[in-house]
Amino acid sequence: MGINDETDIEANLQIGPTDQGMVRLFITAGGTEVPMDFSPDEAEEIAEEIRAAAQSAAKIKPKSR
């Protein structure tokens, strides 16, 4: 599966700080839980990547189905 492949899997994403000073992305899908911890610097880099991807996606005209 690649980034452009559609799926019917539903997931929930929660983002917040931990009591250890990390930023946690907590993903749940079905019965699976994936906690991902990042330093504040890593989280800033991820946020920049998300912003850049959002800006690029906004420029793309979706294909009609």
PDB file of N, CA and C in Angstrom:
ATOM      1  N   MET A   1       0.849  -1.171   0.000  1.00  0.00           N
ATOM      2  CA  MET A   1       0.000   0.000   0.000  1.00  0.00           C
ATOM      3  C   MET A   1       0.893   1.233   0.000  1.00  0.00           C
ATOM      4  N   GLY A   2       0.547   2.184  -0.839  1.00  0.00           N
ATOM      5  CA  GLY A   2       1.324   3.418  -0.922  1.00  0.00           C
ATOM      6  C   GLY A   2       0.511   4.611  -0.444  1.00  0.00           C
ATOM      7  N   ILE A   3       1.122   5.750  -0.449  1.00  0.00           N
ATOM      8  CA  ILE A   3       0.492   6.955   0.073  1.00  0.00           C
ATOM      9  C   ILE A   3      -0.727   7.373  -0.748  1.00  0.00           C
ATOM     10  N   ASN A   4      -0.796   6.995  -2.016  1.00  0.00           N
ATOM     11  CA  ASN A   4      -1.924   7.362  -2.870  1.00  0.00           C
ATOM     12  C   ASN A   4      -3.003   6.286  -2.952  1.00  0.00           C
ATOM     13  N   ASP A   5      -2.813   5.173  -2.260  1.00  0.00           N
ATOM     14  CA  ASP A   5      -3.799   4.095  -2.285  1.00  0.00           C
ATOM     15  C   ASP A   5      -4.913   4.371  -1.277  1.00  0.00           C
ATOM     16  N   GLU A   6      -6.160   4.249  -1.739  1.00  0.00           N
ATOM     17  CA  GLU A   6      -7.295   4.451  -0.851  1.00  0.00           C
ATOM     18  C   GLU A   6      -7.539   3.188  -0.041  1.00  0.00           C
ATOM     19  N   THR A   7      -8.145   3.369   1.136  1.00  0.00           N
ATOM     20  CA  THR A   7      -8.463   2.249   2.009  1.00  0.00           C
ATOM     21  C   THR A   7      -9.756   2.544   2.753  1.00  0.00           C
ATOM     22  N   ASP A   8     -10.409   1.501   3.220  1.00  0.00           N
ATOM     23  CA  ASP A   8     -11.630   1.661   4.003  1.00  0.00           C
ATOM     24  C   ASP A   8     -11.351   1.601   5.502  1.00  0.00           C
ATOM     25  N   ILE A   9     -10.102   1.514   5.888  1.00  0.00           N
ATOM     26  CA  ILE A   9      -9.742   1.437   7.302  1.00  0.00           C
ATOM     27  C   ILE A   9      -9.979   2.796   7.952  1.00  0.00           C
ATOM     28  N   GLU A  10     -10.678   2.776   9.085  1.00  0.00           N
ATOM     29  CA  GLU A  10     -10.885   4.007   9.843  1.00  0.00           C
ATOM     30  C   GLU A  10      -9.916   4.025  11.009  1.00  0.00           C
ATOM     31  N   ALA A  11      -9.380   5.211  11.293  1.00  0.00           N
ATOM     32  CA  ALA A  11      -8.438   5.354  12.393  1.00  0.00           C
ATOM     33  C   ALA A  11      -8.735   6.645  13.144  1.00  0.00           C
ATOM     34  N   ASN A  12      -8.301   6.695  14.377  1.00  0.00           N
ATOM     35  CA  ASN A  12      -8.441   7.876  15.210  1.00  0.00           C
ATOM     36  C   ASN A  12      -7.036   8.360  15.560  1.00  0.00           C
ATOM     37  N   LEU A  13      -6.828   9.675  15.486  1.00  0.00           N
ATOM     38  CA  LEU A  13      -5.530  10.262  15.804  1.00  0.00           C
ATOM     39  C   LEU A  13      -5.704  11.261  16.936  1.00  0.00           C
ATOM     40  N   GLN A  14      -4.916  11.090  17.976  1.00  0.00           N
ATOM     41  CA  GLN A  14      -4.870  12.048  19.083  1.00  0.00           C
ATOM     42  C   GLN A  14      -3.443  12.562  19.171  1.00  0.00           C
ATOM     43  N   ILE A  15      -3.307  13.857  19.455  1.00  0.00           N
ATOM     44  CA  ILE A  15      -1.986  14.470  19.556  1.00  0.00           C
ATOM     45  C   ILE A  15      -1.933  15.268  20.848  1.00  0.00           C
ATOM     46  N   GLY A  16      -0.860  15.096  21.612  1.00  0.00           N
ATOM     47  CA  GLY A  16      -0.732  15.871  22.838  1.00  0.00           C
ATOM     48  C   GLY A  16       0.614  15.655  23.497  1.00  0.00           C
ATOM     49  N   PRO A  17       0.891  16.461  24.537  1.00  0.00           N
ATOM     50  CA  PRO A  17       2.155  16.327  25.266  1.00  0.00           C
ATOM     51  C   PRO A  17       2.066  15.198  26.297  1.00  0.00           C
ATOM     52  N   THR A  18       3.201  14.587  26.566  1.00  0.00           N
ATOM     53  CA  THR A  18       3.272  13.571  27.620  1.00  0.00           C
ATOM     54  C   THR A  18       3.855  14.208  28.880  1.00  0.00           C
ATOM     55  N   ASP A  19       3.773  13.493  29.981  1.00  0.00           N
ATOM     56  CA  ASP A  19       4.345  14.001  31.233  1.00  0.00           C
ATOM     57  C   ASP A  19       5.869  13.886  31.245  1.00  0.00           C
ATOM     58  N   GLN A  20       6.441  13.347  30.155  1.00  0.00           N
ATOM     59  CA  GLN A  20       7.892  13.236  30.025  1.00  0.00           C
ATOM     60  C   GLN A  20       8.468  14.307  29.104  1.00  0.00           C
ATOM     61  N   GLY A  21       7.631  15.274  28.677  1.00  0.00           N
ATOM     62  CA  GLY A  21       8.101  16.348  27.816  1.00  0.00           C
ATOM     63  C   GLY A  21       8.209  15.966  26.350  1.00  0.00           C
ATOM     64  N   MET A  22       7.505  14.905  25.956  1.00  0.00           N
ATOM     65  CA  MET A  22       7.500  14.472  24.571  1.00  0.00           C
ATOM     66  C   MET A  22       6.158  14.847  23.944  1.00  0.00           C
ATOM     67  N   VAL A  23       6.093  14.787  22.632  1.00  0.00           N
ATOM     68  CA  VAL A  23       4.833  14.977  21.919  1.00  0.00           C
ATOM     69  C   VAL A  23       4.415  13.598  21.431  1.00  0.00           C
ATOM     70  N   ARG A  24       3.192  13.202  21.780  1.00  0.00           N
ATOM     71  CA  ARG A  24       2.726  11.867  21.394  1.00  0.00           C
ATOM     72  C   ARG A  24       1.658  11.961  20.323  1.00  0.00           C
ATOM     73  N   LEU A  25       1.847  11.166  19.268  1.00  0.00           N
ATOM     74  CA  LEU A  25       0.797  10.886  18.297  1.00  0.00           C
ATOM     75  C   LEU A  25       0.273   9.516  18.689  1.00  0.00           C
ATOM     76  N   PHE A  26      -1.022   9.446  18.999  1.00  0.00           N
ATOM     77  CA  PHE A  26      -1.622   8.188  19.438  1.00  0.00           C
ATOM     78  C   PHE A  26      -2.667   7.800  18.414  1.00  0.00           C
ATOM     79  N   ILE A  27      -2.403   6.710  17.706  1.00  0.00           N
ATOM     80  CA  ILE A  27      -3.258   6.268  16.616  1.00  0.00           C
ATOM     81  C   ILE A  27      -3.942   4.969  17.030  1.00  0.00           C
ATOM     82  N   THR A  28      -5.275   4.922  16.837  1.00  0.00           N
ATOM     83  CA  THR A  28      -6.011   3.690  17.074  1.00  0.00           C
ATOM     84  C   THR A  28      -6.760   3.326  15.798  1.00  0.00           C
ATOM     85  N   ALA A  29      -6.743   2.046  15.475  1.00  0.00           N
ATOM     86  CA  ALA A  29      -7.468   1.531  14.312  1.00  0.00           C
ATOM     87  C   ALA A  29      -7.877   0.104  14.642  1.00  0.00           C
ATOM     88  N   GLY A  30      -9.179  -0.133  14.659  1.00  0.00           N
ATOM     89  CA  GLY A  30      -9.641  -1.461  15.056  1.00  0.00           C
ATOM     90  C   GLY A  30      -9.199  -1.719  16.475  1.00  0.00           C
ATOM     91  N   GLY A  31      -8.540  -2.817  16.717  1.00  0.00           N
ATOM     92  CA  GLY A  31      -8.038  -3.130  18.052  1.00  0.00           C
ATOM     93  C   GLY A  31      -6.578  -2.787  18.233  1.00  0.00           C
ATOM     94  N   THR A  32      -6.007  -2.035  17.300  1.00  0.00           N
ATOM     95  CA  THR A  32      -4.585  -1.715  17.358  1.00  0.00           C
ATOM     96  C   THR A  32      -4.365  -0.298  17.856  1.00  0.00           C
ATOM     97  N   GLU A  33      -3.418  -0.135  18.769  1.00  0.00           N
ATOM     98  CA  GLU A  33      -3.027   1.181  19.275  1.00  0.00           C
ATOM     99  C   GLU A  33      -1.550   1.399  18.953  1.00  0.00           C
ATOM    100  N   VAL A  34      -1.229   2.582  18.411  1.00  0.00           N
ATOM    101  CA  VAL A  34       0.159   2.896  18.062  1.00  0.00           C
ATOM    102  C   VAL A  34       0.524   4.235  18.701  1.00  0.00           C
ATOM    103  N   PRO A  35       1.240   4.201  19.842  1.00  0.00           N
ATOM    104  CA  PRO A  35       1.732   5.437  20.430  1.00  0.00           C
ATOM    105  C   PRO A  35       3.095   5.773  19.814  1.00  0.00           C
ATOM    106  N   MET A  36       3.238   7.002  19.341  1.00  0.00           N
ATOM    107  CA  MET A  36       4.501   7.432  18.741  1.00  0.00           C
ATOM    108  C   MET A  36       4.951   8.701  19.458  1.00  0.00           C
ATOM    109  N   ASP A  37       6.089   8.655  20.127  1.00  0.00           N
ATOM    110  CA  ASP A  37       6.606   9.793  20.878  1.00  0.00           C
ATOM    111  C   ASP A  37       7.738  10.468  20.125  1.00  0.00           C
ATOM    112  N   PHE A  38       7.710  11.809  20.159  1.00  0.00           N
ATOM    113  CA  PHE A  38       8.715  12.619  19.480  1.00  0.00           C
ATOM    114  C   PHE A  38       9.177  13.732  20.405  1.00  0.00           C
ATOM    115  N   SER A  39      10.437  14.106  20.247  1.00  0.00           N
ATOM    116  CA  SER A  39      10.928  15.270  20.988  1.00  0.00           C
ATOM    117  C   SER A  39      10.227  16.506  20.427  1.00  0.00           C
ATOM    118  N   PRO A  40      10.193  17.600  21.185  1.00  0.00           N
ATOM    119  CA  PRO A  40       9.588  18.814  20.650  1.00  0.00           C
ATOM    120  C   PRO A  40      10.204  19.248  19.314  1.00  0.00           C
ATOM    121  N   ASP A  41      11.514  19.112  19.156  1.00  0.00           N
ATOM    122  CA  ASP A  41      12.159  19.477  17.889  1.00  0.00           C
ATOM    123  C   ASP A  41      11.690  18.590  16.745  1.00  0.00           C
ATOM    124  N   GLU A  42      11.595  17.281  17.005  1.00  0.00           N
ATOM    125  CA  GLU A  42      11.096  16.364  15.971  1.00  0.00           C
ATOM    126  C   GLU A  42       9.646  16.692  15.616  1.00  0.00           C
ATOM    127  N   ALA A  43       8.856  17.021  16.622  1.00  0.00           N
ATOM    128  CA  ALA A  43       7.445  17.350  16.380  1.00  0.00           C
ATOM    129  C   ALA A  43       7.321  18.612  15.530  1.00  0.00           C
ATOM    130  N   GLU A  44       8.191  19.585  15.751  1.00  0.00           N
ATOM    131  CA  GLU A  44       8.186  20.802  14.921  1.00  0.00           C
ATOM    132  C   GLU A  44       8.506  20.461  13.468  1.00  0.00           C
ATOM    133  N   GLU A  45       9.472  19.550  13.258  1.00  0.00           N
ATOM    134  CA  GLU A  45       9.819  19.130  11.899  1.00  0.00           C
ATOM    135  C   GLU A  45       8.636  18.429  11.230  1.00  0.00           C
ATOM    136  N   ILE A  46       7.955  17.573  11.984  1.00  0.00           N
ATOM    137  CA  ILE A  46       6.781  16.875  11.447  1.00  0.00           C
ATOM    138  C   ILE A  46       5.688  17.879  11.101  1.00  0.00           C
ATOM    139  N   ALA A  47       5.475  18.864  11.970  1.00  0.00           N
ATOM    140  CA  ALA A  47       4.464  19.896  11.715  1.00  0.00           C
ATOM    141  C   ALA A  47       4.793  20.665  10.430  1.00  0.00           C
ATOM    142  N   GLU A  48       6.064  20.962  10.213  1.00  0.00           N
ATOM    143  CA  GLU A  48       6.469  21.659   8.982  1.00  0.00           C
ATOM    144  C   GLU A  48       6.195  20.793   7.755  1.00  0.00           C
ATOM    145  N   GLU A  49       6.454  19.488   7.871  1.00  0.00           N
ATOM    146  CA  GLU A  49       6.181  18.583   6.754  1.00  0.00           C
ATOM    147  C   GLU A  49       4.683  18.510   6.468  1.00  0.00           C
ATOM    148  N   ILE A  50       3.870  18.497   7.506  1.00  0.00           N
ATOM    149  CA  ILE A  50       2.409  18.473   7.322  1.00  0.00           C
ATOM    150  C   ILE A  50       1.939  19.761   6.662  1.00  0.00           C
ATOM    151  N   ARG A  51       2.474  20.901   7.112  1.00  0.00           N
ATOM    152  CA  ARG A  51       2.098  22.182   6.485  1.00  0.00           C
ATOM    153  C   ARG A  51       2.478  22.211   5.009  1.00  0.00           C
ATOM    154  N   ALA A  52       3.676  21.746   4.691  1.00  0.00           N
ATOM    155  CA  ALA A  52       4.133  21.733   3.300  1.00  0.00           C
ATOM    156  C   ALA A  52       3.263  20.802   2.450  1.00  0.00           C
ATOM    157  N   ALA A  53       2.908  19.649   2.994  1.00  0.00           N
ATOM    158  CA  ALA A  53       2.054  18.718   2.253  1.00  0.00           C
ATOM    159  C   ALA A  53       0.666  19.319   2.042  1.00  0.00           C
ATOM    160  N   ALA A  54       0.135  20.019   3.053  1.00  0.00           N
ATOM    161  CA  ALA A  54      -1.178  20.653   2.923  1.00  0.00           C
ATOM    162  C   ALA A  54      -1.150  21.730   1.840  1.00  0.00           C
ATOM    163  N   GLN A  55      -0.089  22.506   1.798  1.00  0.00           N
ATOM    164  CA  GLN A  55       0.028  23.542   0.770  1.00  0.00           C
ATOM    165  C   GLN A  55       0.113  22.916  -0.621  1.00  0.00           C
ATOM    166  N   SER A  56       0.862  21.839  -0.756  1.00  0.00           N
ATOM    167  CA  SER A  56       0.972  21.155  -2.047  1.00  0.00           C
ATOM    168  C   SER A  56      -0.362  20.534  -2.450  1.00  0.00           C
ATOM    169  N   ALA A  57      -1.036  19.910  -1.501  1.00  0.00           N
ATOM    170  CA  ALA A  57      -2.319  19.271  -1.794  1.00  0.00           C
ATOM    171  C   ALA A  57      -3.369  20.288  -2.209  1.00  0.00           C
ATOM    172  N   ALA A  58      -3.314  21.482  -1.626  1.00  0.00           N
ATOM    173  CA  ALA A  58      -4.291  22.522  -1.958  1.00  0.00           C
ATOM    174  C   ALA A  58      -4.162  22.978  -3.408  1.00  0.00           C
ATOM    175  N   LYS A  59      -3.006  22.763  -3.991  1.00  0.00           N
ATOM    176  CA  LYS A  59      -2.767  23.189  -5.385  1.00  0.00           C
ATOM    177  C   LYS A  59      -3.204  22.111  -6.403  1.00  0.00           C
ATOM    178  N   ILE A  60      -3.503  20.928  -5.924  1.00  0.00           N
ATOM    179  CA  ILE A  60      -3.847  19.821  -6.811  1.00  0.00           C
ATOM    180  C   ILE A  60      -5.356  19.789  -7.026  1.00  0.00           C
ATOM    181  N   LYS A  61      -5.738  19.726  -8.299  1.00  0.00           N
ATOM    182  CA  LYS A  61      -7.151  19.603  -8.626  1.00  0.00           C
ATOM    183  C   LYS A  61      -7.504  18.121  -8.558  1.00  0.00           C
ATOM    184  N   PRO A  62      -8.442  17.745  -7.673  1.00  0.00           N
ATOM    185  CA  PRO A  62      -8.785  16.324  -7.549  1.00  0.00           C
ATOM    186  C   PRO A  62      -9.348  15.762  -8.855  1.00  0.00           C
ATOM    187  N   LYS A  63      -9.016  14.494  -9.108  1.00  0.00           N
ATOM    188  CA  LYS A  63      -9.544  13.810 -10.296  1.00  0.00           C
ATOM    189  C   LYS A  63     -10.995  13.412 -10.007  1.00  0.00           C
ATOM    190  N   SER A  64     -11.870  13.539 -11.015  1.00  0.00           N
ATOM    191  CA  SER A  64     -13.243  13.097 -10.815  1.00  0.00           C
ATOM    192  C   SER A  64     -13.310  11.591 -10.904  1.00  0.00           C
ATOM    193  N   ARG A  65     -14.230  11.041 -10.150  1.00  0.00           N
ATOM    194  CA  ARG A  65     -14.366   9.577 -10.114  1.00  0.00           C
ATOM    195  C   ARG A  65     -15.480   9.132 -10.990  1.00  0.00           C
TER     196      ARG A  65
END
